[in-house]
């Protein structure tokens, strides 16, 4: 059972600016124009633009990145076929999701560093929640950040920075353009993917190949 304690105020500080209704993990608006809030990989002139709305606390997002991300990046993003835009869309508990995003961005991380850190948060997601308290979660974030060369002081400052909550509030508001109600939500060339298998490698690669062919 997850317990919020007084230490949760540190993690919660970055989420205080949240004003909208949070998404539900596993459900299914920001147009396609890139903003300073986005994390972007891939060639600017790629023929396909793919957007993912995802949360650091979403189990379905962790599964997507575990089973699809490496192949997606190698096959389509690194080869100049897909420009990938990641948008932070927190699911409950919001404070933990925003803290995870802040850790991924901490210390002026490059976009590649961001995805490496987020990937580790996804990989350890169950262990993070198994700690059972905000203090335990903070300890896991310090552990993950430390492995990336960040000091505990840096991590705490990044997590407590209210800019994180302000940023995700903007993203939530802008997501109305695509009627995003859950995570992960995938957008390909401006179309929200509704296909049942779109979050599998087989289904997503089929959709991307069709876009490339057209």
N, C-alpha and C. Protein backbone atom coordinates (compact mmCIF):
# COMPACT_ATOMS: atom_id res chain seq x y z
N UNK A 1 0.84 -1.20 0.00
CA UNK A 1 0.00 0.00 0.00
C UNK A 1 0.87 1.24 0.00
N UNK A 2 0.58 2.17 -0.89
CA UNK A 2 1.38 3.38 -0.98
C UNK A 2 0.94 4.38 0.08
N UNK A 3 1.90 4.90 0.83
CA UNK A 3 1.61 5.84 1.92
C UNK A 3 2.29 7.18 1.63
N UNK A 4 1.54 8.26 1.67
CA UNK A 4 2.10 9.61 1.53
C UNK A 4 2.51 10.10 2.91
N UNK A 5 3.79 10.47 3.07
CA UNK A 5 4.24 10.99 4.35
C UNK A 5 4.72 12.43 4.20
N UNK A 6 5.22 13.01 5.28
CA UNK A 6 5.63 14.40 5.25
C UNK A 6 6.75 14.64 4.25
N UNK A 7 7.60 13.63 4.07
CA UNK A 7 8.68 13.78 3.10
C UNK A 7 8.12 13.96 1.68
N UNK A 8 6.87 13.55 1.51
CA UNK A 8 6.25 13.71 0.20
C UNK A 8 6.15 15.15 -0.24
N UNK A 9 6.27 16.07 0.70
CA UNK A 9 6.21 17.48 0.32
C UNK A 9 7.33 17.84 -0.63
N UNK A 10 8.50 17.19 -0.48
CA UNK A 10 9.61 17.48 -1.37
C UNK A 10 9.29 17.07 -2.80
N UNK A 11 8.78 15.84 -2.92
CA UNK A 11 8.40 15.37 -4.25
C UNK A 11 7.18 16.12 -4.76
N UNK A 12 6.26 16.46 -3.85
CA UNK A 12 5.03 17.11 -4.28
C UNK A 12 5.22 18.54 -4.69
N UNK A 13 6.29 19.18 -4.30
CA UNK A 13 6.48 20.59 -4.60
C UNK A 13 6.45 20.86 -6.09
N UNK A 14 7.01 19.95 -6.86
CA UNK A 14 7.06 20.18 -8.30
C UNK A 14 5.72 19.98 -8.97
N UNK A 15 4.74 19.39 -8.25
CA UNK A 15 3.43 19.12 -8.84
C UNK A 15 2.37 20.11 -8.39
N UNK A 16 2.74 21.10 -7.60
CA UNK A 16 1.76 22.01 -7.04
C UNK A 16 1.04 22.82 -8.10
N UNK A 17 1.70 23.02 -9.26
CA UNK A 17 1.09 23.84 -10.30
C UNK A 17 0.07 23.08 -11.13
N UNK A 18 -0.10 21.77 -10.88
CA UNK A 18 -1.04 20.99 -11.68
C UNK A 18 -2.46 21.49 -11.45
N UNK A 19 -3.16 21.78 -12.53
CA UNK A 19 -4.52 22.30 -12.39
C UNK A 19 -5.56 21.46 -13.11
N UNK A 20 -5.14 20.66 -14.08
CA UNK A 20 -6.11 19.91 -14.87
C UNK A 20 -6.39 18.55 -14.27
N UNK A 21 -7.27 17.81 -14.91
CA UNK A 21 -7.56 16.44 -14.50
C UNK A 21 -6.47 15.54 -15.03
N UNK A 22 -5.89 14.71 -14.18
CA UNK A 22 -4.81 13.85 -14.59
C UNK A 22 -5.34 12.68 -15.40
N UNK A 23 -4.45 12.12 -16.21
CA UNK A 23 -4.82 11.00 -17.07
C UNK A 23 -4.91 9.72 -16.27
N UNK A 24 -5.56 8.74 -16.87
CA UNK A 24 -5.58 7.40 -16.30
C UNK A 24 -4.63 6.54 -17.10
N UNK A 25 -3.74 5.85 -16.43
CA UNK A 25 -2.80 5.00 -17.14
C UNK A 25 -3.56 3.89 -17.85
N UNK A 26 -3.30 3.74 -19.16
CA UNK A 26 -3.94 2.70 -19.93
C UNK A 26 -5.12 3.19 -20.74
N UNK A 27 -5.60 4.41 -20.54
CA UNK A 27 -6.66 4.97 -21.35
C UNK A 27 -6.15 5.46 -22.68
N UNK A 28 -7.13 5.75 -23.32
CA UNK A 28 -6.69 6.29 -24.56
C UNK A 28 -7.56 7.51 -24.79
N UNK A 29 -5.25 18.41 -25.69
CA UNK A 29 -4.77 18.42 -26.34
C UNK A 29 -3.61 19.15 -26.82
N UNK A 30 -1.68 20.81 -27.65
CA UNK A 30 -0.47 20.24 -28.25
C UNK A 30 -0.77 19.91 -29.64
N UNK A 31 -0.64 20.45 -30.60
CA UNK A 31 -0.68 19.88 -31.93
C UNK A 31 0.64 19.25 -32.26
N UNK A 32 0.97 19.23 -33.55
CA UNK A 32 2.21 18.60 -33.97
C UNK A 32 3.40 19.55 -33.91
N UNK A 33 3.15 20.85 -33.72
CA UNK A 33 4.26 21.81 -33.63
C UNK A 33 5.07 21.54 -32.37
N UNK A 34 6.39 21.59 -32.50
CA UNK A 34 7.27 21.31 -31.38
C UNK A 34 7.39 22.55 -30.49
N UNK A 35 7.35 22.34 -29.18
CA UNK A 35 7.53 23.43 -28.22
C UNK A 35 8.78 23.16 -27.39
N UNK A 36 9.17 24.16 -26.60
CA UNK A 36 10.34 24.01 -25.74
C UNK A 36 10.13 22.96 -24.66
N UNK A 37 8.89 22.57 -24.40
CA UNK A 37 8.59 21.55 -23.39
C UNK A 37 8.81 20.13 -23.90
N UNK A 38 8.90 19.96 -25.21
CA UNK A 38 9.00 18.63 -25.80
C UNK A 38 10.43 18.09 -25.73
N UNK A 39 10.53 16.77 -25.67
CA UNK A 39 11.80 16.06 -25.81
C UNK A 39 11.77 15.41 -27.18
N UNK A 40 12.75 15.74 -28.02
CA UNK A 40 12.68 15.35 -29.43
C UNK A 40 13.92 14.57 -29.85
N UNK A 41 13.69 13.50 -30.60
CA UNK A 41 14.77 12.73 -31.22
C UNK A 41 14.45 12.55 -32.69
N UNK A 42 15.49 12.43 -33.51
CA UNK A 42 15.28 12.13 -34.92
C UNK A 42 15.48 13.32 -35.83
N UNK A 43 15.55 13.04 -37.12
CA UNK A 43 15.82 14.06 -38.13
C UNK A 43 14.67 15.04 -38.26
N UNK A 44 15.02 16.31 -38.40
CA UNK A 44 14.00 17.36 -38.53
C UNK A 44 13.17 17.17 -39.79
N UNK A 45 13.79 16.59 -40.84
CA UNK A 45 13.07 16.40 -42.11
C UNK A 45 12.54 14.99 -42.29
N UNK A 46 12.40 14.26 -41.20
CA UNK A 46 11.87 12.89 -41.30
C UNK A 46 10.46 12.92 -41.88
N UNK A 47 10.12 11.95 -42.72
CA UNK A 47 8.79 11.95 -43.36
C UNK A 47 7.64 11.65 -42.41
N UNK A 48 7.94 11.05 -41.27
CA UNK A 48 6.89 10.71 -40.29
C UNK A 48 7.23 11.37 -38.96
N UNK A 49 6.21 11.99 -38.37
CA UNK A 49 6.35 12.55 -37.02
C UNK A 49 5.48 11.74 -36.08
N UNK A 50 6.09 11.26 -35.01
CA UNK A 50 5.37 10.47 -34.02
C UNK A 50 5.46 11.16 -32.67
N UNK A 51 4.33 11.30 -32.00
CA UNK A 51 4.26 11.89 -30.66
C UNK A 51 3.80 10.82 -29.68
N UNK A 52 4.47 10.79 -28.54
CA UNK A 52 4.01 9.91 -27.46
C UNK A 52 3.72 10.75 -26.22
N UNK A 53 2.50 10.61 -25.70
CA UNK A 53 2.16 11.16 -24.39
C UNK A 53 2.30 10.01 -23.41
N UNK A 54 3.17 10.18 -22.40
CA UNK A 54 3.42 9.08 -21.48
C UNK A 54 3.72 9.60 -20.09
N UNK A 55 3.62 8.71 -19.11
CA UNK A 55 3.85 9.06 -17.71
C UNK A 55 4.91 8.15 -17.10
N UNK A 56 5.74 8.74 -16.25
CA UNK A 56 6.76 7.96 -15.56
C UNK A 56 6.16 6.96 -14.58
N UNK A 57 4.90 7.14 -14.21
CA UNK A 57 4.25 6.24 -13.26
C UNK A 57 3.27 5.26 -13.91
N UNK A 58 3.25 5.23 -15.22
CA UNK A 58 2.30 4.39 -15.96
C UNK A 58 2.92 3.04 -16.31
N UNK A 59 2.29 1.98 -15.81
CA UNK A 59 2.79 0.64 -16.10
C UNK A 59 2.71 0.28 -17.58
N UNK A 60 1.66 0.72 -18.26
CA UNK A 60 1.53 0.45 -19.69
C UNK A 60 2.64 1.15 -20.47
N UNK A 61 3.01 2.35 -20.03
CA UNK A 61 4.11 3.08 -20.67
C UNK A 61 5.43 2.34 -20.49
N UNK A 62 5.64 1.81 -19.27
CA UNK A 62 6.85 1.05 -19.00
C UNK A 62 6.92 -0.19 -19.90
N UNK A 63 5.79 -0.85 -20.08
CA UNK A 63 5.75 -2.03 -20.95
C UNK A 63 6.04 -1.65 -22.39
N UNK A 64 5.45 -0.54 -22.85
CA UNK A 64 5.69 -0.08 -24.22
C UNK A 64 7.17 0.18 -24.44
N UNK A 65 7.80 0.86 -23.49
CA UNK A 65 9.21 1.18 -23.67
C UNK A 65 10.10 -0.05 -23.52
N UNK A 66 9.67 -1.01 -22.74
CA UNK A 66 10.44 -2.24 -22.60
C UNK A 66 10.37 -3.10 -23.85
N UNK A 67 9.21 -3.14 -24.49
CA UNK A 67 9.00 -4.07 -25.60
C UNK A 67 9.11 -3.44 -26.98
N UNK A 68 9.02 -2.11 -27.07
CA UNK A 68 8.98 -1.46 -28.39
C UNK A 68 10.09 -0.43 -28.60
N UNK A 69 10.47 0.28 -27.55
CA UNK A 69 11.31 1.46 -27.72
C UNK A 69 12.63 1.21 -28.45
N UNK A 70 13.39 0.21 -28.05
CA UNK A 70 14.70 -0.02 -28.67
C UNK A 70 14.58 -0.27 -30.17
N UNK A 71 13.60 -1.07 -30.57
CA UNK A 71 13.41 -1.34 -32.00
C UNK A 71 12.92 -0.11 -32.74
N UNK A 72 12.03 0.65 -32.11
CA UNK A 72 11.52 1.88 -32.73
C UNK A 72 12.67 2.86 -32.98
N UNK A 73 13.51 3.03 -31.98
CA UNK A 73 14.62 3.97 -32.11
C UNK A 73 15.62 3.52 -33.17
N UNK A 74 16.00 2.25 -33.12
CA UNK A 74 17.00 1.74 -34.05
C UNK A 74 16.50 1.72 -35.50
N UNK A 75 15.27 1.27 -35.68
CA UNK A 75 14.74 1.06 -37.03
C UNK A 75 14.23 2.33 -37.68
N UNK A 76 13.63 3.21 -36.92
CA UNK A 76 12.97 4.36 -37.52
C UNK A 76 13.54 5.72 -37.11
N UNK A 77 13.87 5.90 -35.85
CA UNK A 77 14.33 7.22 -35.40
C UNK A 77 15.77 7.46 -35.82
N UNK A 78 16.65 6.52 -35.53
CA UNK A 78 18.08 6.69 -35.85
C UNK A 78 18.36 6.68 -37.35
N UNK A 79 17.44 6.14 -38.13
CA UNK A 79 17.63 6.06 -39.58
C UNK A 79 17.02 7.25 -40.33
N UNK A 80 16.46 8.21 -39.60
CA UNK A 80 15.91 9.41 -40.23
C UNK A 80 14.52 9.26 -40.78
N UNK A 81 13.83 8.16 -40.46
CA UNK A 81 12.49 7.94 -40.98
C UNK A 81 11.41 8.56 -40.10
N UNK A 82 11.68 8.64 -38.80
CA UNK A 82 10.68 9.13 -37.84
C UNK A 82 11.30 10.20 -36.95
N UNK A 83 10.60 11.30 -36.81
CA UNK A 83 10.94 12.29 -35.79
C UNK A 83 10.03 12.03 -34.60
N UNK A 84 10.64 11.77 -33.45
CA UNK A 84 9.90 11.34 -32.27
C UNK A 84 9.82 12.47 -31.26
N UNK A 85 8.60 12.77 -30.82
CA UNK A 85 8.35 13.83 -29.84
C UNK A 85 7.74 13.19 -28.60
N UNK A 86 8.39 13.40 -27.45
CA UNK A 86 7.88 12.85 -26.19
C UNK A 86 7.28 13.97 -25.38
N UNK A 87 6.06 13.76 -24.89
CA UNK A 87 5.37 14.74 -24.07
C UNK A 87 4.98 14.14 -22.72
N UNK A 88 5.33 14.84 -21.67
CA UNK A 88 5.15 14.38 -20.30
C UNK A 88 3.70 14.59 -19.86
N UNK A 89 3.03 13.50 -19.55
CA UNK A 89 1.61 13.54 -19.22
C UNK A 89 1.40 12.71 -17.96
N UNK A 90 1.49 13.32 -16.77
CA UNK A 90 1.52 12.56 -15.53
C UNK A 90 0.22 11.84 -15.20
N UNK A 91 0.38 10.61 -14.73
CA UNK A 91 -0.72 9.84 -14.16
C UNK A 91 -0.47 9.72 -12.66
N UNK A 92 -1.52 9.45 -11.87
CA UNK A 92 -1.34 9.35 -10.42
C UNK A 92 -0.33 8.27 -10.03
N UNK A 93 0.41 8.51 -8.93
CA UNK A 93 0.46 9.74 -8.14
C UNK A 93 1.26 10.82 -8.87
N UNK A 94 0.62 11.98 -9.06
CA UNK A 94 1.20 13.03 -9.89
C UNK A 94 2.56 13.49 -9.39
N UNK A 95 2.72 13.60 -8.08
CA UNK A 95 3.99 14.08 -7.55
C UNK A 95 5.14 13.17 -7.97
N UNK A 96 4.90 11.88 -7.99
CA UNK A 96 5.95 10.93 -8.37
C UNK A 96 6.24 11.02 -9.86
N UNK A 97 5.19 11.13 -10.67
CA UNK A 97 5.38 11.25 -12.11
C UNK A 97 6.19 12.49 -12.46
N UNK A 98 5.81 13.63 -11.88
CA UNK A 98 6.52 14.87 -12.18
C UNK A 98 7.95 14.81 -11.67
N UNK A 99 8.15 14.21 -10.50
CA UNK A 99 9.50 14.05 -9.97
C UNK A 99 10.36 13.21 -10.90
N UNK A 100 9.77 12.17 -11.48
CA UNK A 100 10.51 11.34 -12.44
C UNK A 100 10.91 12.13 -13.67
N UNK A 101 9.99 12.94 -14.17
CA UNK A 101 10.32 13.78 -15.33
C UNK A 101 11.43 14.77 -14.98
N UNK A 102 11.35 15.34 -13.78
CA UNK A 102 12.37 16.30 -13.35
C UNK A 102 13.74 15.63 -13.23
N UNK A 103 13.77 14.41 -12.72
CA UNK A 103 15.02 13.67 -12.64
C UNK A 103 15.58 13.42 -14.04
N UNK A 104 14.72 13.05 -14.97
CA UNK A 104 15.18 12.79 -16.34
C UNK A 104 15.79 14.03 -16.99
N UNK A 105 15.28 15.21 -16.63
CA UNK A 105 15.76 16.46 -17.20
C UNK A 105 16.92 17.08 -16.42
N UNK A 106 17.17 16.60 -15.23
CA UNK A 106 18.06 17.27 -14.28
C UNK A 106 19.47 17.51 -14.82
N UNK A 107 20.02 18.66 -14.44
CA UNK A 107 21.40 18.97 -14.81
C UNK A 107 21.59 19.29 -16.26
N UNK A 108 20.56 19.77 -16.93
CA UNK A 108 20.68 20.10 -18.34
C UNK A 108 20.89 18.89 -19.23
N UNK A 109 20.20 17.81 -18.93
CA UNK A 109 20.35 16.55 -19.67
C UNK A 109 20.06 16.75 -21.15
N UNK A 110 20.85 16.09 -21.98
CA UNK A 110 20.54 16.05 -23.41
C UNK A 110 19.30 15.18 -23.61
N UNK A 111 18.72 15.24 -24.80
CA UNK A 111 17.55 14.41 -25.06
C UNK A 111 17.88 12.92 -24.96
N UNK A 112 19.08 12.54 -25.40
CA UNK A 112 19.50 11.15 -25.28
C UNK A 112 19.63 10.76 -23.82
N UNK A 113 20.21 11.64 -22.99
CA UNK A 113 20.32 11.37 -21.56
C UNK A 113 18.95 11.27 -20.90
N UNK A 114 18.04 12.13 -21.36
CA UNK A 114 16.68 12.10 -20.82
C UNK A 114 16.07 10.71 -21.00
N UNK A 115 16.15 10.17 -22.22
CA UNK A 115 15.53 8.88 -22.49
C UNK A 115 16.24 7.75 -21.74
N UNK A 116 17.55 7.87 -21.56
CA UNK A 116 18.27 6.85 -20.81
C UNK A 116 17.79 6.83 -19.36
N UNK A 117 17.62 8.01 -18.76
CA UNK A 117 17.15 8.09 -17.37
C UNK A 117 15.69 7.64 -17.26
N UNK A 118 14.86 8.09 -18.18
CA UNK A 118 13.46 7.68 -18.15
C UNK A 118 13.34 6.18 -18.33
N UNK A 119 14.17 5.62 -19.20
CA UNK A 119 14.16 4.17 -19.40
C UNK A 119 14.50 3.43 -18.12
N UNK A 120 15.43 3.98 -17.34
CA UNK A 120 15.79 3.34 -16.07
C UNK A 120 14.66 3.48 -15.05
N UNK A 121 13.97 4.61 -15.07
CA UNK A 121 12.79 4.77 -14.19
C UNK A 121 11.72 3.75 -14.56
N UNK A 122 11.49 3.57 -15.85
CA UNK A 122 10.53 2.57 -16.28
C UNK A 122 10.98 1.17 -15.84
N UNK A 123 12.27 0.88 -16.02
CA UNK A 123 12.79 -0.44 -15.69
C UNK A 123 12.62 -0.75 -14.21
N UNK A 124 12.79 0.27 -13.37
CA UNK A 124 12.71 0.08 -11.92
C UNK A 124 11.35 0.53 -11.35
N UNK A 125 10.38 0.71 -12.20
CA UNK A 125 9.10 1.27 -11.75
C UNK A 125 8.48 0.47 -10.61
N UNK A 126 8.44 -0.83 -10.74
CA UNK A 126 7.84 -1.65 -9.68
C UNK A 126 8.63 -1.56 -8.39
N UNK A 127 9.95 -1.53 -8.49
CA UNK A 127 10.79 -1.42 -7.30
C UNK A 127 10.62 -0.05 -6.64
N UNK A 128 10.43 0.97 -7.46
CA UNK A 128 10.21 2.32 -6.92
C UNK A 128 8.96 2.35 -6.06
N UNK A 129 7.86 1.82 -6.58
CA UNK A 129 6.61 1.83 -5.82
C UNK A 129 6.62 0.84 -4.66
N UNK A 130 7.44 -0.20 -4.77
CA UNK A 130 7.50 -1.20 -3.70
C UNK A 130 8.11 -0.64 -2.43
N UNK A 131 8.78 0.52 -2.53
CA UNK A 131 9.34 1.14 -1.33
C UNK A 131 8.23 1.57 -0.37
N UNK A 132 7.04 1.87 -0.89
CA UNK A 132 5.87 2.11 -0.06
C UNK A 132 5.71 3.49 0.52
N UNK A 133 6.64 4.38 0.27
CA UNK A 133 6.53 5.73 0.83
C UNK A 133 7.23 6.73 -0.08
N UNK A 134 6.91 8.00 0.07
CA UNK A 134 7.57 9.03 -0.71
C UNK A 134 9.05 9.12 -0.36
N UNK A 135 9.38 8.87 0.88
CA UNK A 135 10.79 8.87 1.28
C UNK A 135 11.54 7.76 0.55
N UNK A 136 10.93 6.59 0.48
CA UNK A 136 11.55 5.48 -0.24
C UNK A 136 11.71 5.78 -1.72
N UNK A 137 10.68 6.39 -2.30
CA UNK A 137 10.74 6.75 -3.72
C UNK A 137 11.83 7.77 -3.95
N UNK A 138 11.92 8.75 -3.08
CA UNK A 138 12.98 9.75 -3.21
C UNK A 138 14.35 9.07 -3.18
N UNK A 139 14.51 8.08 -2.30
CA UNK A 139 15.76 7.35 -2.23
C UNK A 139 16.09 6.63 -3.52
N UNK A 140 15.07 6.03 -4.15
CA UNK A 140 15.30 5.35 -5.42
C UNK A 140 15.67 6.35 -6.51
N UNK A 141 15.03 7.52 -6.52
CA UNK A 141 15.38 8.53 -7.52
C UNK A 141 16.81 9.02 -7.31
N UNK A 142 17.23 9.16 -6.06
CA UNK A 142 18.61 9.57 -5.79
C UNK A 142 19.58 8.48 -6.27
N UNK A 143 19.19 7.23 -6.11
CA UNK A 143 20.01 6.11 -6.59
C UNK A 143 20.12 6.13 -8.11
N UNK A 144 19.00 6.31 -8.79
CA UNK A 144 19.01 6.33 -10.26
C UNK A 144 19.78 7.54 -10.77
N UNK A 145 19.53 8.70 -10.15
CA UNK A 145 20.25 9.89 -10.57
C UNK A 145 21.74 9.81 -10.28
N UNK A 146 22.09 9.18 -9.16
CA UNK A 146 23.50 9.02 -8.82
C UNK A 146 24.23 8.19 -9.85
N UNK A 147 23.57 7.16 -10.37
CA UNK A 147 24.19 6.33 -11.40
C UNK A 147 24.42 7.12 -12.69
N UNK A 148 23.65 8.22 -12.85
CA UNK A 148 23.81 9.08 -14.04
C UNK A 148 24.75 10.26 -13.76
N UNK A 149 25.39 10.25 -12.59
CA UNK A 149 26.37 11.28 -12.28
C UNK A 149 25.83 12.50 -11.57
N UNK A 150 24.59 12.43 -11.07
CA UNK A 150 23.99 13.56 -10.37
C UNK A 150 24.16 13.40 -8.86
N UNK A 151 24.35 14.52 -8.18
CA UNK A 151 24.48 14.48 -6.72
C UNK A 151 23.09 14.49 -6.08
N UNK A 152 22.97 14.02 -4.83
CA UNK A 152 21.68 14.09 -4.15
C UNK A 152 21.14 15.51 -4.09
N UNK A 153 22.03 16.48 -3.91
CA UNK A 153 21.60 17.88 -3.84
C UNK A 153 21.00 18.33 -5.17
N UNK A 154 21.65 17.97 -6.26
CA UNK A 154 21.11 18.31 -7.59
C UNK A 154 19.73 17.69 -7.78
N UNK A 155 19.60 16.44 -7.43
CA UNK A 155 18.34 15.72 -7.64
C UNK A 155 17.22 16.34 -6.81
N UNK A 156 17.50 16.63 -5.55
CA UNK A 156 16.48 17.24 -4.69
C UNK A 156 16.04 18.60 -5.22
N UNK A 157 17.01 19.39 -5.70
CA UNK A 157 16.67 20.70 -6.25
C UNK A 157 15.81 20.57 -7.50
N UNK A 158 16.16 19.62 -8.35
CA UNK A 158 15.39 19.42 -9.59
C UNK A 158 13.96 18.96 -9.27
N UNK A 159 13.84 18.03 -8.34
CA UNK A 159 12.52 17.51 -8.00
C UNK A 159 11.64 18.60 -7.41
N UNK A 160 12.23 19.47 -6.59
CA UNK A 160 11.46 20.50 -5.90
C UNK A 160 11.17 21.71 -6.77
N UNK A 161 11.76 21.80 -7.95
CA UNK A 161 11.60 22.96 -8.82
C UNK A 161 10.16 23.04 -9.33
N UNK A 162 9.42 24.11 -9.01
CA UNK A 162 8.02 24.23 -9.46
C UNK A 162 7.88 24.31 -10.97
N UNK A 163 8.97 24.54 -11.69
CA UNK A 163 8.90 24.59 -13.15
C UNK A 163 8.38 23.27 -13.72
N UNK A 164 8.60 22.15 -13.00
CA UNK A 164 8.12 20.86 -13.49
C UNK A 164 6.61 20.81 -13.55
N UNK A 165 5.96 21.25 -12.47
CA UNK A 165 4.51 21.27 -12.46
C UNK A 165 3.94 22.24 -13.47
N UNK A 166 4.59 23.38 -13.63
CA UNK A 166 4.14 24.38 -14.61
C UNK A 166 4.23 23.82 -16.02
N UNK A 167 5.31 23.09 -16.29
CA UNK A 167 5.50 22.53 -17.62
C UNK A 167 4.44 21.49 -17.97
N UNK A 168 4.20 20.54 -17.05
CA UNK A 168 3.23 19.50 -17.37
C UNK A 168 1.81 20.06 -17.42
N UNK A 169 1.55 21.13 -16.69
CA UNK A 169 0.25 21.78 -16.80
C UNK A 169 0.03 22.29 -18.22
N UNK A 170 1.06 22.91 -18.80
CA UNK A 170 0.96 23.38 -20.19
C UNK A 170 0.72 22.22 -21.14
N UNK A 171 1.45 21.14 -20.92
CA UNK A 171 1.31 19.98 -21.80
C UNK A 171 -0.09 19.38 -21.71
N UNK A 172 -0.62 19.27 -20.50
CA UNK A 172 -1.98 18.75 -20.31
C UNK A 172 -2.99 19.62 -21.04
N UNK A 173 -2.85 20.92 -20.89
CA UNK A 173 -3.78 21.84 -21.55
C UNK A 173 -3.70 21.71 -23.06
N UNK A 174 -2.49 21.64 -23.58
CA UNK A 174 -2.31 21.57 -25.03
C UNK A 174 -2.72 20.22 -25.61
N UNK A 175 -2.75 19.19 -24.75
CA UNK A 175 -3.09 17.85 -25.22
C UNK A 175 -4.54 17.74 -25.66
N UNK A 176 -5.35 18.75 -25.34
CA UNK A 176 -6.76 18.73 -25.74
C UNK A 176 -6.92 18.66 -27.25
N UNK A 177 -5.92 19.12 -27.96
CA UNK A 177 -5.97 19.06 -29.43
C UNK A 177 -6.12 17.63 -29.93
N UNK A 178 -5.61 16.67 -29.15
CA UNK A 178 -5.70 15.26 -29.53
C UNK A 178 -6.63 14.46 -28.62
N UNK A 179 -7.33 15.14 -27.71
CA UNK A 179 -8.23 14.47 -26.78
C UNK A 179 -7.51 13.33 -26.05
N UNK A 180 -6.37 13.67 -25.48
CA UNK A 180 -5.59 12.68 -24.74
C UNK A 180 -6.24 12.46 -23.38
N UNK A 181 -6.60 11.22 -23.09
CA UNK A 181 -7.24 10.90 -21.81
C UNK A 181 -6.48 9.83 -21.04
N UNK A 182 -5.45 9.28 -21.60
CA UNK A 182 -4.69 8.24 -20.91
C UNK A 182 -3.33 8.06 -21.54
N UNK A 183 -2.53 7.21 -20.92
CA UNK A 183 -1.18 6.97 -21.41
C UNK A 183 -0.90 5.48 -21.52
N UNK A 184 -0.05 5.09 -22.49
CA UNK A 184 0.51 5.96 -23.52
C UNK A 184 -0.49 6.26 -24.62
N UNK A 185 -0.46 7.47 -25.14
CA UNK A 185 -1.21 7.85 -26.33
C UNK A 185 -0.21 8.15 -27.43
N UNK A 186 -0.41 7.56 -28.59
CA UNK A 186 0.51 7.72 -29.72
C UNK A 186 -0.18 8.47 -30.85
N UNK A 187 0.54 9.44 -31.41
CA UNK A 187 0.06 10.23 -32.54
C UNK A 187 1.04 10.06 -33.68
N UNK A 188 0.57 9.69 -34.85
CA UNK A 188 1.44 9.55 -36.02
C UNK A 188 0.93 10.46 -37.13
N UNK A 189 1.77 11.39 -37.53
CA UNK A 189 1.42 12.37 -38.56
C UNK A 189 0.06 13.02 -38.29
N UNK A 190 -0.13 13.40 -37.02
CA UNK A 190 -1.33 14.13 -36.63
C UNK A 190 -2.54 13.28 -36.32
N UNK A 191 -2.43 11.95 -36.44
CA UNK A 191 -3.57 11.07 -36.18
C UNK A 191 -3.33 10.27 -34.90
N UNK A 192 -4.30 10.33 -33.98
CA UNK A 192 -4.20 9.51 -32.77
C UNK A 192 -4.46 8.05 -33.14
N UNK A 193 -3.54 7.19 -32.74
CA UNK A 193 -3.65 5.78 -33.09
C UNK A 193 -4.69 5.10 -32.20
N UNK A 194 -5.68 4.52 -32.83
CA UNK A 194 -6.75 3.83 -32.11
C UNK A 194 -6.69 2.32 -32.32
N UNK A 195 -5.79 1.86 -33.20
CA UNK A 195 -5.71 0.44 -33.48
C UNK A 195 -5.33 -0.34 -32.21
N UNK A 196 -5.98 -1.48 -31.96
CA UNK A 196 -5.72 -2.25 -30.74
C UNK A 196 -4.26 -2.67 -30.57
N UNK A 197 -3.56 -2.89 -31.69
CA UNK A 197 -2.18 -3.37 -31.60
C UNK A 197 -1.16 -2.27 -31.82
N UNK A 198 -1.57 -1.01 -31.75
CA UNK A 198 -0.65 0.09 -32.04
C UNK A 198 0.49 0.20 -31.04
N UNK A 199 0.30 -0.35 -29.84
CA UNK A 199 1.35 -0.27 -28.83
C UNK A 199 2.23 -1.52 -28.78
N UNK A 200 2.10 -2.35 -29.81
CA UNK A 200 3.00 -3.49 -29.98
C UNK A 200 3.96 -3.18 -31.11
N UNK A 201 5.10 -3.85 -31.14
CA UNK A 201 6.06 -3.59 -32.21
C UNK A 201 5.47 -3.96 -33.57
N UNK A 202 4.78 -5.07 -33.64
CA UNK A 202 4.21 -5.51 -34.91
C UNK A 202 3.19 -4.50 -35.43
N UNK A 203 2.30 -4.08 -34.56
CA UNK A 203 1.27 -3.14 -34.98
C UNK A 203 1.82 -1.78 -35.31
N UNK A 204 2.70 -1.27 -34.47
CA UNK A 204 3.25 0.07 -34.71
C UNK A 204 4.11 0.10 -35.96
N UNK A 205 4.94 -0.90 -36.16
CA UNK A 205 5.79 -0.90 -37.36
C UNK A 205 4.95 -0.99 -38.62
N UNK A 206 3.84 -1.72 -38.57
CA UNK A 206 2.94 -1.78 -39.73
C UNK A 206 2.37 -0.40 -40.04
N UNK A 207 1.96 0.32 -39.00
CA UNK A 207 1.41 1.66 -39.19
C UNK A 207 2.46 2.61 -39.74
N UNK A 208 3.67 2.53 -39.20
CA UNK A 208 4.75 3.41 -39.66
C UNK A 208 5.14 3.10 -41.10
N UNK A 209 5.18 1.84 -41.45
CA UNK A 209 5.52 1.47 -42.84
C UNK A 209 4.46 1.99 -43.80
N UNK A 210 3.20 1.94 -43.41
CA UNK A 210 2.13 2.44 -44.26
C UNK A 210 2.28 3.94 -44.45
N UNK A 211 2.64 4.66 -43.39
CA UNK A 211 2.86 6.11 -43.50
C UNK A 211 4.04 6.42 -44.41
N UNK A 212 5.10 5.66 -44.28
CA UNK A 212 6.28 5.87 -45.12
C UNK A 212 5.98 5.60 -46.59
N UNK A 213 5.15 4.59 -46.81
CA UNK A 213 4.82 4.22 -48.18
C UNK A 213 3.92 5.24 -48.85
N UNK A 214 3.16 5.98 -48.04
CA UNK A 214 2.23 6.94 -48.61
C UNK A 214 2.87 8.29 -48.86
